[in-house]
Each structure stands twice: as structure tokens, then as C-alpha cells.
N, C-alpha and C. Protein backbone atom coordinates (compact mmCIF):
# COMPACT_ATOMS: atom_id res chain seq x y z
N MET A 1 -4.31 13.39 1.57
CA MET A 1 -2.93 13.08 1.90
C MET A 1 -2.19 12.78 0.58
N PHE A 2 -0.84 12.98 0.54
CA PHE A 2 -0.12 12.74 -0.47
C PHE A 2 1.07 11.89 -0.09
N SER A 3 1.34 10.72 -0.74
CA SER A 3 2.43 9.90 -0.38
C SER A 3 3.04 9.33 -1.66
N GLY A 4 4.42 9.26 -1.66
CA GLY A 4 5.19 8.90 -2.88
C GLY A 4 6.58 8.73 -2.56
N ALA A 5 7.21 8.29 -3.62
CA ALA A 5 8.74 8.07 -3.62
C ALA A 5 9.36 8.45 -4.94
N GLN A 6 10.54 8.97 -4.93
CA GLN A 6 11.38 9.13 -5.99
C GLN A 6 12.43 8.00 -5.91
N VAL A 7 12.45 7.11 -6.91
CA VAL A 7 13.24 5.81 -6.84
C VAL A 7 14.24 5.86 -7.99
N SER A 8 15.48 5.50 -7.63
CA SER A 8 16.51 5.46 -8.73
C SER A 8 17.13 4.10 -8.64
N LEU A 9 17.29 3.42 -9.73
CA LEU A 9 17.79 1.91 -9.67
C LEU A 9 19.15 2.00 -10.42
N TYR A 10 20.19 1.33 -9.84
CA TYR A 10 21.38 1.35 -10.39
C TYR A 10 22.19 -0.12 -10.52
N PRO A 11 21.93 -0.79 -11.56
CA PRO A 11 22.64 -2.15 -11.85
C PRO A 11 24.09 -1.80 -12.26
N MET A 12 25.05 -2.41 -11.68
CA MET A 12 26.42 -2.14 -11.99
C MET A 12 26.80 -3.01 -13.06
N SER A 13 26.45 -2.71 -14.27
CA SER A 13 26.67 -3.61 -15.46
C SER A 13 26.68 -2.89 -16.70
N ASP A 14 27.38 -3.22 -17.76
CA ASP A 14 27.29 -2.59 -19.10
C ASP A 14 25.97 -2.81 -19.65
N ASP A 15 25.12 -3.78 -19.21
CA ASP A 15 23.86 -3.91 -19.76
C ASP A 15 22.83 -3.37 -18.78
N PHE A 16 23.20 -2.19 -18.08
CA PHE A 16 22.23 -1.56 -17.14
C PHE A 16 20.95 -1.21 -17.84
N VAL A 17 20.90 -0.84 -19.10
CA VAL A 17 19.70 -0.43 -19.72
C VAL A 17 18.74 -1.60 -19.84
N GLY A 18 19.24 -2.73 -20.24
CA GLY A 18 18.48 -3.94 -20.39
C GLY A 18 18.04 -4.40 -19.00
N ILE A 19 18.83 -4.31 -17.96
CA ILE A 19 18.34 -4.75 -16.63
C ILE A 19 17.33 -4.00 -16.14
N ILE A 20 17.32 -2.58 -16.23
CA ILE A 20 16.39 -1.72 -15.80
C ILE A 20 15.14 -1.92 -16.47
N LEU A 21 15.15 -1.92 -17.85
CA LEU A 21 13.91 -2.09 -18.58
C LEU A 21 13.30 -3.44 -18.35
N GLY A 22 14.19 -4.44 -18.25
CA GLY A 22 13.49 -5.77 -18.01
C GLY A 22 12.90 -5.81 -16.59
N SER A 23 13.35 -5.09 -15.64
CA SER A 23 12.72 -4.99 -14.25
C SER A 23 11.49 -4.36 -14.17
N LEU A 24 11.26 -3.45 -15.12
CA LEU A 24 9.92 -2.73 -14.98
C LEU A 24 8.69 -3.42 -15.06
N GLY A 25 8.63 -4.64 -15.64
CA GLY A 25 7.61 -5.56 -15.69
C GLY A 25 7.14 -5.98 -14.21
N ALA A 26 8.04 -6.03 -13.32
CA ALA A 26 7.62 -6.33 -11.98
C ALA A 26 6.72 -5.28 -11.38
N LEU A 27 6.61 -4.17 -11.94
CA LEU A 27 5.62 -3.20 -11.38
C LEU A 27 4.15 -3.32 -12.03
N ASP A 28 4.12 -4.20 -13.08
CA ASP A 28 2.75 -4.33 -13.58
C ASP A 28 1.61 -4.76 -12.68
N PRO A 29 1.88 -5.58 -11.68
CA PRO A 29 0.80 -5.88 -10.78
C PRO A 29 0.40 -4.66 -9.82
N TRP A 30 1.13 -3.66 -9.78
CA TRP A 30 0.91 -2.41 -8.87
C TRP A 30 0.42 -1.28 -9.63
N ARG A 31 0.47 -1.37 -10.93
CA ARG A 31 0.08 -0.16 -11.88
C ARG A 31 -1.34 0.47 -11.69
N ASP A 32 -2.26 -0.49 -11.23
CA ASP A 32 -3.54 0.04 -11.01
C ASP A 32 -3.76 0.80 -9.64
N ARG A 33 -2.76 0.70 -8.84
CA ARG A 33 -2.60 1.43 -7.60
C ARG A 33 -1.59 2.54 -7.32
N LEU A 34 -0.79 2.71 -8.43
CA LEU A 34 0.20 3.61 -8.39
C LEU A 34 0.23 4.59 -9.60
N ARG A 35 0.58 5.82 -9.49
CA ARG A 35 0.88 6.69 -10.60
C ARG A 35 2.39 6.70 -10.80
N LEU A 36 2.80 6.41 -11.91
CA LEU A 36 4.33 6.32 -12.22
C LEU A 36 4.70 7.33 -13.27
N GLU A 37 5.68 8.10 -12.90
CA GLU A 37 6.29 9.04 -13.91
C GLU A 37 7.92 8.87 -13.84
N THR A 38 8.45 8.66 -15.02
CA THR A 38 9.83 8.43 -15.16
C THR A 38 10.53 9.55 -15.96
N ASP A 39 11.68 10.00 -15.46
CA ASP A 39 12.55 10.94 -16.24
C ASP A 39 14.01 10.53 -16.18
N SER A 40 14.92 11.26 -16.52
CA SER A 40 16.33 10.80 -16.62
C SER A 40 17.05 10.55 -15.25
N LEU A 41 16.39 11.06 -14.20
CA LEU A 41 16.99 10.86 -12.85
C LEU A 41 16.36 9.90 -11.95
N SER A 42 14.94 9.84 -12.13
CA SER A 42 14.32 8.84 -11.24
C SER A 42 12.94 8.40 -11.72
N THR A 43 12.15 7.56 -11.02
CA THR A 43 10.84 7.20 -11.22
C THR A 43 10.02 7.71 -10.05
N LEU A 44 9.13 8.53 -10.32
CA LEU A 44 8.12 8.90 -9.17
C LEU A 44 6.98 7.86 -9.05
N MET A 45 6.87 7.32 -7.80
CA MET A 45 5.75 6.42 -7.51
C MET A 45 4.80 7.18 -6.65
N VAL A 46 3.63 7.30 -6.97
CA VAL A 46 2.57 7.96 -6.09
C VAL A 46 1.51 6.96 -5.80
N GLY A 47 1.17 6.78 -4.49
CA GLY A 47 0.07 5.79 -4.16
C GLY A 47 0.04 5.59 -2.71
N PRO A 48 -0.70 4.74 -2.22
CA PRO A 48 -0.92 4.43 -0.72
C PRO A 48 0.31 4.18 -0.10
N PRO A 49 0.58 4.66 1.18
CA PRO A 49 1.87 4.40 1.79
C PRO A 49 2.19 2.95 1.88
N ASP A 50 1.25 2.07 2.09
CA ASP A 50 1.55 0.62 2.34
C ASP A 50 1.77 -0.06 1.04
N ILE A 51 1.66 0.61 -0.09
CA ILE A 51 1.87 -0.13 -1.41
C ILE A 51 3.27 0.26 -2.04
N LEU A 52 3.74 1.43 -1.56
CA LEU A 52 5.11 1.93 -2.10
C LEU A 52 6.17 0.90 -1.86
N PHE A 53 6.36 0.28 -0.69
CA PHE A 53 7.63 -0.56 -0.46
C PHE A 53 7.31 -1.90 -1.04
N PRO A 54 6.23 -2.54 -1.17
CA PRO A 54 6.12 -3.76 -1.86
C PRO A 54 6.37 -3.55 -3.36
N ALA A 55 5.94 -2.50 -3.91
CA ALA A 55 6.22 -2.24 -5.38
C ALA A 55 7.72 -1.99 -5.50
N MET A 56 8.43 -1.22 -4.73
CA MET A 56 9.78 -1.07 -4.77
C MET A 56 10.49 -2.36 -4.53
N ARG A 57 10.02 -3.19 -3.61
CA ARG A 57 10.70 -4.42 -3.48
C ARG A 57 10.70 -5.34 -4.78
N ASP A 58 9.57 -5.45 -5.43
CA ASP A 58 9.50 -6.28 -6.57
C ASP A 58 10.45 -5.62 -7.73
N LEU A 59 10.43 -4.23 -7.83
CA LEU A 59 11.28 -3.67 -8.81
C LEU A 59 12.76 -4.04 -8.46
N PHE A 60 13.11 -3.84 -7.35
CA PHE A 60 14.49 -4.01 -6.94
C PHE A 60 14.99 -5.50 -7.09
N CYS A 61 14.12 -6.48 -6.67
CA CYS A 61 14.40 -7.95 -6.78
C CYS A 61 14.55 -8.33 -8.20
N ALA A 62 13.63 -7.85 -8.99
CA ALA A 62 13.78 -8.17 -10.35
C ALA A 62 15.02 -7.85 -11.01
N ALA A 63 15.62 -6.57 -10.58
CA ALA A 63 17.00 -6.23 -11.05
C ALA A 63 18.06 -7.02 -10.49
N ALA A 64 17.90 -7.35 -9.07
CA ALA A 64 19.00 -8.01 -8.37
C ALA A 64 19.10 -9.31 -8.78
N ARG A 65 18.04 -9.91 -9.30
CA ARG A 65 18.04 -11.42 -9.84
C ARG A 65 19.07 -11.53 -11.03
N SER A 66 19.47 -10.50 -11.55
CA SER A 66 20.34 -10.47 -12.72
C SER A 66 21.68 -10.97 -12.06
N GLY A 67 21.99 -10.86 -10.91
CA GLY A 67 23.26 -11.40 -10.25
C GLY A 67 24.17 -10.30 -10.19
N VAL A 68 24.04 -9.16 -10.75
CA VAL A 68 25.04 -8.13 -10.77
C VAL A 68 24.75 -7.17 -9.55
N HIS A 69 25.85 -6.59 -9.19
CA HIS A 69 25.67 -5.75 -7.98
C HIS A 69 24.66 -4.53 -8.36
N THR A 70 23.66 -4.46 -7.47
CA THR A 70 22.58 -3.57 -7.77
C THR A 70 22.22 -2.75 -6.57
N THR A 71 22.11 -1.38 -6.74
CA THR A 71 21.65 -0.65 -5.66
C THR A 71 20.36 0.17 -6.02
N MET A 72 19.62 0.66 -5.00
CA MET A 72 18.51 1.45 -5.31
C MET A 72 18.44 2.51 -4.34
N HIS A 73 18.22 3.80 -4.62
CA HIS A 73 18.01 4.87 -3.62
C HIS A 73 16.60 5.44 -3.79
N ALA A 74 15.98 5.75 -2.75
CA ALA A 74 14.62 6.22 -2.78
C ALA A 74 14.47 7.31 -1.58
N THR A 75 13.83 8.33 -2.04
CA THR A 75 13.31 9.38 -1.08
C THR A 75 11.91 9.26 -0.92
N VAL A 76 11.31 8.97 0.20
CA VAL A 76 9.99 8.70 0.27
C VAL A 76 9.32 9.65 1.23
N SER A 77 8.01 9.99 1.01
CA SER A 77 7.48 11.04 1.75
C SER A 77 5.96 10.82 1.90
N ARG A 78 5.32 11.13 2.95
CA ARG A 78 3.83 11.16 3.07
C ARG A 78 3.44 12.38 3.87
N GLY A 79 2.28 12.88 3.50
CA GLY A 79 1.74 14.00 4.14
C GLY A 79 2.49 15.30 3.92
N CYS A 80 3.13 15.41 2.88
CA CYS A 80 3.87 16.65 2.49
C CYS A 80 2.83 17.93 2.38
N PRO A 81 2.96 18.94 3.14
CA PRO A 81 2.08 20.06 3.04
C PRO A 81 2.10 20.79 1.69
N GLY A 82 3.29 20.60 0.97
CA GLY A 82 3.57 21.27 -0.16
C GLY A 82 2.89 20.56 -1.42
N GLU A 83 2.31 19.33 -1.19
CA GLU A 83 1.72 18.67 -2.40
C GLU A 83 0.20 18.49 -2.10
N PRO A 84 -0.50 18.49 -3.38
CA PRO A 84 -2.03 18.43 -3.13
C PRO A 84 -2.49 16.98 -2.72
N ASP A 85 -3.57 16.92 -2.06
CA ASP A 85 -4.22 15.61 -1.79
C ASP A 85 -4.37 14.92 -2.98
N ASP A 86 -4.31 13.53 -2.86
CA ASP A 86 -4.38 12.76 -4.04
C ASP A 86 -5.24 11.49 -3.63
N PRO A 87 -6.43 11.25 -4.17
CA PRO A 87 -7.28 10.17 -3.76
C PRO A 87 -6.57 8.74 -3.82
N ILE A 88 -5.65 8.66 -4.81
CA ILE A 88 -4.89 7.33 -5.02
C ILE A 88 -4.09 7.00 -3.75
N CYS A 89 -3.75 7.97 -2.80
CA CYS A 89 -2.81 7.83 -1.75
C CYS A 89 -3.55 7.48 -0.47
N ALA A 90 -4.81 7.14 -0.43
CA ALA A 90 -5.61 6.91 0.68
C ALA A 90 -4.94 5.72 1.36
N PRO A 91 -4.52 5.78 2.66
CA PRO A 91 -3.93 4.55 3.38
C PRO A 91 -4.93 3.37 3.37
N VAL A 92 -4.33 2.14 3.06
CA VAL A 92 -5.15 0.94 3.00
C VAL A 92 -5.03 0.19 4.30
N ALA A 93 -3.84 0.19 4.86
CA ALA A 93 -3.56 -0.63 6.01
C ALA A 93 -2.49 0.10 6.85
N GLY A 94 -1.96 -0.74 7.95
CA GLY A 94 -0.99 -0.20 8.75
C GLY A 94 -1.42 -0.17 10.23
N PRO A 95 -0.54 -0.04 11.14
CA PRO A 95 -0.84 -0.02 12.59
C PRO A 95 -1.93 1.15 12.83
N ALA A 96 -2.83 0.94 13.81
CA ALA A 96 -3.84 2.04 14.12
C ALA A 96 -2.90 3.26 14.60
N ARG A 97 -3.23 4.34 13.93
CA ARG A 97 -2.40 5.60 14.33
C ARG A 97 -2.72 6.14 15.70
N ASP A 98 -3.88 5.77 16.37
CA ASP A 98 -4.08 6.12 17.64
C ASP A 98 -3.65 5.14 18.72
N ALA A 99 -2.93 4.10 18.34
CA ALA A 99 -2.45 3.06 19.26
C ALA A 99 -1.15 3.63 19.90
N SER A 100 -0.81 3.07 21.04
CA SER A 100 0.37 3.57 21.77
C SER A 100 1.59 3.15 20.97
N LEU A 101 2.66 3.81 21.31
CA LEU A 101 3.96 3.54 20.60
C LEU A 101 4.36 2.14 20.72
N ALA A 102 4.19 1.54 22.02
CA ALA A 102 4.49 0.19 22.21
C ALA A 102 3.69 -0.83 21.46
N ASP A 103 2.41 -0.51 21.32
CA ASP A 103 1.52 -1.36 20.41
C ASP A 103 1.74 -1.27 19.00
N ARG A 104 2.37 -0.07 18.54
CA ARG A 104 2.71 0.09 17.08
C ARG A 104 3.93 -0.69 16.82
N ILE A 105 4.90 -0.66 17.84
CA ILE A 105 6.12 -1.39 17.54
C ILE A 105 5.85 -2.81 17.53
N ALA A 106 4.98 -3.32 18.43
CA ALA A 106 4.62 -4.85 18.34
C ALA A 106 3.97 -5.13 17.05
N ALA A 107 3.00 -4.19 16.62
CA ALA A 107 2.35 -4.64 15.28
C ALA A 107 3.27 -4.61 14.12
N CYS A 108 4.20 -3.67 14.18
CA CYS A 108 5.26 -3.66 13.01
C CYS A 108 5.96 -4.85 13.08
N ARG A 109 6.46 -5.21 14.27
CA ARG A 109 7.36 -6.46 14.41
C ARG A 109 6.62 -7.69 13.88
N ASP A 110 5.25 -7.89 14.16
CA ASP A 110 4.48 -9.01 13.75
C ASP A 110 4.31 -8.99 12.29
N ALA A 111 4.27 -7.83 11.67
CA ALA A 111 4.04 -7.83 10.16
C ALA A 111 5.48 -8.17 9.55
N VAL A 112 6.53 -7.92 10.05
CA VAL A 112 7.74 -8.29 9.54
C VAL A 112 8.09 -9.94 9.61
N ALA A 113 7.61 -10.37 10.82
CA ALA A 113 7.78 -11.79 11.09
C ALA A 113 6.85 -12.61 10.08
N ALA A 114 5.70 -12.07 9.59
CA ALA A 114 4.79 -12.71 8.59
C ALA A 114 5.31 -12.45 7.13
N ALA A 115 6.14 -11.66 6.84
CA ALA A 115 6.63 -11.33 5.49
C ALA A 115 7.19 -12.59 4.76
N PRO A 116 6.89 -12.78 3.48
CA PRO A 116 7.33 -13.95 2.83
C PRO A 116 8.93 -13.74 2.47
N LEU A 117 9.51 -14.97 2.41
CA LEU A 117 10.96 -15.08 2.10
C LEU A 117 11.06 -15.13 0.58
N LEU A 118 11.87 -14.26 -0.03
CA LEU A 118 12.08 -14.20 -1.46
C LEU A 118 13.41 -14.83 -1.98
N GLN A 119 14.17 -15.23 -1.22
CA GLN A 119 15.46 -16.01 -1.54
C GLN A 119 16.36 -14.97 -2.19
N GLN A 120 16.25 -13.70 -1.74
CA GLN A 120 17.17 -12.67 -2.30
C GLN A 120 17.86 -11.90 -1.08
N GLY A 121 19.07 -12.06 -0.80
CA GLY A 121 19.67 -11.47 0.33
C GLY A 121 20.06 -9.92 -0.17
N ILE A 122 19.73 -9.09 0.87
CA ILE A 122 19.91 -7.62 0.64
C ILE A 122 20.51 -6.91 1.79
N ALA A 123 21.11 -5.83 1.60
CA ALA A 123 21.43 -4.90 2.75
C ALA A 123 20.68 -3.50 2.39
N ALA A 124 20.38 -2.81 3.49
CA ALA A 124 19.72 -1.53 3.31
C ALA A 124 20.10 -0.57 4.52
N GLN A 125 19.94 0.57 4.33
CA GLN A 125 19.97 1.63 5.37
C GLN A 125 18.94 2.66 5.21
N LEU A 126 18.46 3.14 6.35
CA LEU A 126 17.37 4.06 6.28
C LEU A 126 17.59 5.17 7.33
N SER A 127 17.08 6.44 6.92
CA SER A 127 16.93 7.37 7.92
C SER A 127 15.59 7.98 7.94
N LEU A 128 14.90 8.11 9.18
CA LEU A 128 13.48 8.56 9.23
C LEU A 128 13.40 9.95 9.76
N TYR A 129 12.56 10.76 9.16
CA TYR A 129 12.42 12.23 9.44
C TYR A 129 10.98 12.55 9.66
N PRO A 130 10.45 12.39 10.89
CA PRO A 130 9.13 12.88 11.25
C PRO A 130 9.14 14.40 11.36
N LEU A 131 8.38 15.07 10.51
CA LEU A 131 8.42 16.54 10.47
C LEU A 131 7.04 17.19 11.02
N GLY A 132 7.15 18.22 11.65
CA GLY A 132 5.83 18.93 12.09
C GLY A 132 5.20 18.28 13.24
N VAL A 133 5.88 17.48 14.08
CA VAL A 133 5.28 16.98 15.28
C VAL A 133 6.02 17.39 16.55
N GLY A 134 5.29 17.63 17.59
CA GLY A 134 5.99 18.15 18.80
C GLY A 134 6.94 17.21 19.51
N HIS A 135 6.66 15.85 19.40
CA HIS A 135 7.59 14.91 20.02
C HIS A 135 8.19 13.93 18.92
N HIS A 136 8.86 14.46 17.93
CA HIS A 136 9.38 13.73 16.88
C HIS A 136 10.45 12.83 17.39
N MET A 137 11.25 13.12 18.41
CA MET A 137 12.22 12.24 18.89
C MET A 137 11.63 10.96 19.45
N ASP A 138 10.52 11.14 20.17
CA ASP A 138 9.71 9.89 20.53
C ASP A 138 9.51 8.92 19.45
N GLU A 139 9.03 9.42 18.36
CA GLU A 139 8.65 8.63 17.20
C GLU A 139 9.99 7.99 16.61
N ILE A 140 11.09 8.74 16.51
CA ILE A 140 12.29 8.22 16.07
C ILE A 140 12.98 7.15 16.95
N TYR A 141 12.92 7.29 18.14
CA TYR A 141 13.33 6.34 19.08
C TYR A 141 12.43 5.11 19.07
N GLY A 142 11.17 5.36 18.87
CA GLY A 142 10.24 4.10 18.90
C GLY A 142 10.56 3.31 17.51
N CYS A 143 10.84 4.10 16.52
CA CYS A 143 11.21 3.44 15.24
C CYS A 143 12.39 2.64 15.32
N ILE A 144 13.42 3.23 16.12
CA ILE A 144 14.69 2.45 16.20
C ILE A 144 14.51 1.37 17.15
N GLU A 145 13.63 1.40 18.16
CA GLU A 145 13.35 0.26 18.89
C GLU A 145 12.76 -0.79 18.19
N PHE A 146 11.83 -0.61 17.12
CA PHE A 146 11.27 -1.49 16.27
C PHE A 146 12.32 -2.13 15.57
N LEU A 147 13.23 -1.30 14.78
CA LEU A 147 14.11 -1.78 13.92
C LEU A 147 15.02 -2.88 14.51
N LYS A 148 15.53 -2.47 15.81
CA LYS A 148 16.31 -3.36 16.53
C LYS A 148 15.68 -4.72 16.86
N ALA A 149 14.27 -4.69 17.00
CA ALA A 149 13.59 -5.93 17.40
C ALA A 149 12.91 -6.59 16.04
N SER A 150 13.32 -6.10 14.99
CA SER A 150 12.55 -6.52 13.73
C SER A 150 13.01 -7.89 13.10
N GLY A 151 14.39 -8.20 13.51
CA GLY A 151 14.86 -9.50 12.89
C GLY A 151 15.75 -9.20 11.68
N THR A 152 15.66 -7.95 11.28
CA THR A 152 16.55 -7.49 10.11
C THR A 152 17.59 -6.54 10.47
N PHE A 153 17.75 -6.13 11.70
CA PHE A 153 18.58 -5.17 12.24
C PHE A 153 20.06 -5.69 11.98
N ASP A 154 20.90 -4.86 11.34
CA ASP A 154 22.29 -5.18 11.25
C ASP A 154 23.08 -4.32 12.27
N ARG A 155 22.93 -3.02 12.18
CA ARG A 155 23.82 -2.15 13.06
C ARG A 155 23.35 -0.75 13.04
N SER A 156 23.61 0.03 14.08
CA SER A 156 23.48 1.49 14.04
C SER A 156 24.68 2.17 13.32
N LYS A 157 24.42 3.17 12.54
CA LYS A 157 25.42 3.92 11.75
C LYS A 157 25.24 5.38 12.09
N ASN A 158 26.23 6.26 11.76
CA ASN A 158 25.95 7.67 11.85
C ASN A 158 24.86 8.01 10.87
N PHE A 159 23.88 8.69 11.39
CA PHE A 159 22.82 9.23 10.66
C PHE A 159 21.73 8.22 10.01
N CYS A 160 21.96 7.01 10.27
CA CYS A 160 21.00 6.00 9.76
C CYS A 160 21.11 4.65 10.52
N THR A 161 20.26 3.80 10.10
CA THR A 161 20.22 2.40 10.63
C THR A 161 20.40 1.35 9.47
N ALA A 162 21.22 0.52 9.78
CA ALA A 162 21.46 -0.56 8.61
C ALA A 162 20.63 -1.79 8.89
N LEU A 163 20.13 -2.29 7.92
CA LEU A 163 19.38 -3.66 7.92
C LEU A 163 20.08 -4.75 6.97
N ARG A 164 19.73 -5.95 7.25
CA ARG A 164 20.32 -6.98 6.45
C ARG A 164 19.49 -8.19 6.50
N GLY A 165 19.35 -8.92 5.39
CA GLY A 165 18.51 -10.23 5.41
C GLY A 165 17.75 -10.47 4.12
N ASP A 166 16.95 -11.27 4.09
CA ASP A 166 16.03 -11.62 2.90
C ASP A 166 15.31 -10.27 2.50
N ALA A 167 15.11 -10.21 1.23
CA ALA A 167 14.41 -8.94 0.64
C ALA A 167 12.95 -8.90 1.21
N GLY A 168 12.22 -9.94 1.45
CA GLY A 168 10.84 -9.98 1.92
C GLY A 168 10.82 -9.19 3.22
N PRO A 169 11.40 -9.68 4.36
CA PRO A 169 11.36 -9.06 5.56
C PRO A 169 12.15 -7.65 5.68
N VAL A 170 13.10 -7.53 4.84
CA VAL A 170 13.82 -6.28 4.98
C VAL A 170 12.90 -5.13 4.35
N PHE A 171 12.39 -5.41 3.17
CA PHE A 171 11.34 -4.33 2.61
C PHE A 171 10.13 -4.20 3.52
N GLU A 172 9.72 -5.31 4.16
CA GLU A 172 8.62 -5.16 5.03
C GLU A 172 9.00 -4.18 6.35
N THR A 173 10.26 -4.45 6.70
CA THR A 173 10.73 -3.55 7.83
C THR A 173 10.71 -2.03 7.31
N LEU A 174 11.19 -1.77 6.20
CA LEU A 174 11.25 -0.38 5.69
C LEU A 174 9.71 0.00 5.60
N GLY A 175 8.88 -0.63 5.07
CA GLY A 175 7.49 -0.25 4.87
C GLY A 175 6.84 -0.02 6.21
N GLN A 176 7.08 -0.83 7.14
CA GLN A 176 6.40 -0.64 8.48
C GLN A 176 7.13 0.64 9.22
N ALA A 177 8.42 0.86 9.05
CA ALA A 177 8.87 2.11 9.53
C ALA A 177 8.21 3.33 8.95
N PHE A 178 8.01 3.13 7.72
CA PHE A 178 7.43 4.31 7.07
C PHE A 178 5.91 4.60 7.40
N THR A 179 5.23 3.51 7.56
CA THR A 179 3.68 3.71 8.03
C THR A 179 3.42 3.75 9.40
N GLY A 180 4.38 3.11 10.18
CA GLY A 180 4.04 2.96 11.55
C GLY A 180 4.36 4.19 12.54
N PHE A 181 5.18 5.03 12.02
CA PHE A 181 5.68 6.13 12.95
C PHE A 181 5.45 7.49 12.35
N GLY A 182 5.57 8.48 13.29
CA GLY A 182 5.22 9.90 12.88
C GLY A 182 3.73 10.21 12.97
N ALA A 183 3.38 11.42 13.12
CA ALA A 183 2.08 11.77 13.27
C ALA A 183 1.09 11.40 12.30
N THR A 184 -0.05 10.95 12.46
CA THR A 184 -1.02 10.60 11.39
C THR A 184 -1.20 11.53 10.19
N ALA A 185 -1.26 12.82 10.68
CA ALA A 185 -1.48 13.84 9.57
C ALA A 185 -0.27 14.65 9.36
N GLY A 186 0.83 14.23 10.11
CA GLY A 186 2.11 14.99 9.87
C GLY A 186 2.85 14.58 8.58
N HIS A 187 3.95 15.34 8.32
CA HIS A 187 4.74 15.12 7.20
C HIS A 187 5.89 14.26 7.69
N LEU A 188 6.07 13.14 6.94
CA LEU A 188 7.19 12.25 7.38
C LEU A 188 8.00 12.01 5.97
N ALA A 189 9.32 11.95 6.20
CA ALA A 189 10.26 11.64 5.04
C ALA A 189 11.19 10.53 5.29
N MET A 190 11.55 9.70 4.49
CA MET A 190 12.52 8.76 4.72
C MET A 190 13.52 8.61 3.64
N ASP A 191 14.75 8.40 3.97
CA ASP A 191 15.82 8.19 2.94
C ASP A 191 16.22 6.72 3.03
N VAL A 192 16.27 6.09 1.86
CA VAL A 192 16.52 4.66 1.87
C VAL A 192 17.55 4.23 0.74
N THR A 193 18.55 3.41 1.07
CA THR A 193 19.34 2.90 0.03
C THR A 193 19.50 1.42 0.24
N VAL A 194 19.35 0.62 -0.84
CA VAL A 194 19.28 -0.82 -0.85
C VAL A 194 20.38 -1.33 -1.80
N SER A 195 21.00 -2.49 -1.32
CA SER A 195 22.08 -3.09 -2.18
C SER A 195 21.89 -4.63 -2.27
N ALA A 196 22.24 -5.21 -3.25
CA ALA A 196 22.30 -6.68 -3.39
C ALA A 196 23.44 -7.02 -4.29
N ASN A 197 24.05 -8.19 -4.04
CA ASN A 197 25.13 -8.81 -4.72
C ASN A 197 26.44 -7.90 -4.74
N SER A 198 26.64 -7.25 -3.60
CA SER A 198 27.80 -6.46 -3.50
C SER A 198 29.01 -7.09 -3.39
N PRO A 199 30.09 -6.79 -4.15
CA PRO A 199 31.36 -7.47 -4.09
C PRO A 199 31.97 -7.44 -2.53
N SER A 200 31.65 -6.40 -1.87
CA SER A 200 32.18 -6.34 -0.44
C SER A 200 31.59 -7.30 0.51
N ASP A 201 30.51 -8.00 0.11
CA ASP A 201 29.92 -8.98 0.82
C ASP A 201 30.57 -10.42 0.68
N ARG A 202 31.44 -10.54 -0.33
CA ARG A 202 32.10 -11.81 -0.69
C ARG A 202 33.37 -12.13 0.11
């Protein structure tokens, strides 16, 4: 299986280069489990599905702690048939994929409840796209049910769901949505935008 994310970080500051480069050290604890490739548009993170979101969380929080308005956009994918299998991407954890939808929702909710608080408030929005499965709407509706019960749900929007809260539970919610829904061997994509320190929140 192949899983990874294209991640772009945007600190709204004249010192954006310093903030971005200073934040990269937050990825050091994850480098033995991720393959990282950076170009002028984004950083590719390839690795186990359950590792991607904690790594993105640490990168984003390191930048957000600068205090400036910071956003991050990520396109995340697992099981893409157009990508070669990669041993580094073997899943490590997550709800049992043969469990019922109700059991998966409960397991995802419990994981969010156990997430550490990082004292960094954020907002996020996500869109989930299970591809190549016959009952994809069941998986989407199941994910929405989980999001509404996650404790991080903010509101439903056109084409996406908005989350809000501490970065720990919010990123755990995003990660559980990515690993907990869609067919085990099917292709699943997720579009994510995260924001911190937005002037519109003041």
C-alpha cells in the first residue's frame, strides 16, 4: 500500500522563511518513519497512515507557536492504485477494518478523547473521498457521524466539515477520519486545511 501527503505551510509573516525552516525540526522525531521530499510547492510525506497526521500536527504547531496567522493545506492519500507499494507505508494502528461502521465510529471517538492537549487552538476543515468502493456514501456518512461526535466538530459547510479546538484532539480527529473509513484496500483521499491565530477569530 502507498500512503502519503503533499503538505504546504503558510505563515502570514515577512519572516515566513525563518518560521518554516525553524518548524522543520519538529519533524525530526518522525524522520525514521517517513520519507520526506520538498520542492518549491510542497513537502511530500510518505509513511504509515497513522503517522502522517501526528507529524503534520507537530510541524503545524511549531509554526503556529510563532503567534502569526498560519495555515496549512494538505492533500492526503492512501491506497492509490497509481502508486507503487512502499514497505514504509505499512499500517501500524487504527480501528480494525473488518469492524462494523458503528464500532469504528466508537473506536475513533475514543482515540480523540484520549488525545493530548497541546494548548494551541486551531480551526480545520476536511473533505473525505473514499474511491473505488461500492458503498462509498455509507463510509462518508459514517465519517460525518464520527466527526459530529468527536468533540471537535464546529459545523457542516458546503463540500466539507469544519472542526475547531485544541490541536491535539483536532489532528487526532483528522487522523482517525483518514484511517477509520473507506475500504481497507481501496483508494481514499482527503483534502485538509488548518488555521491558527487567524485575525478573524479575534
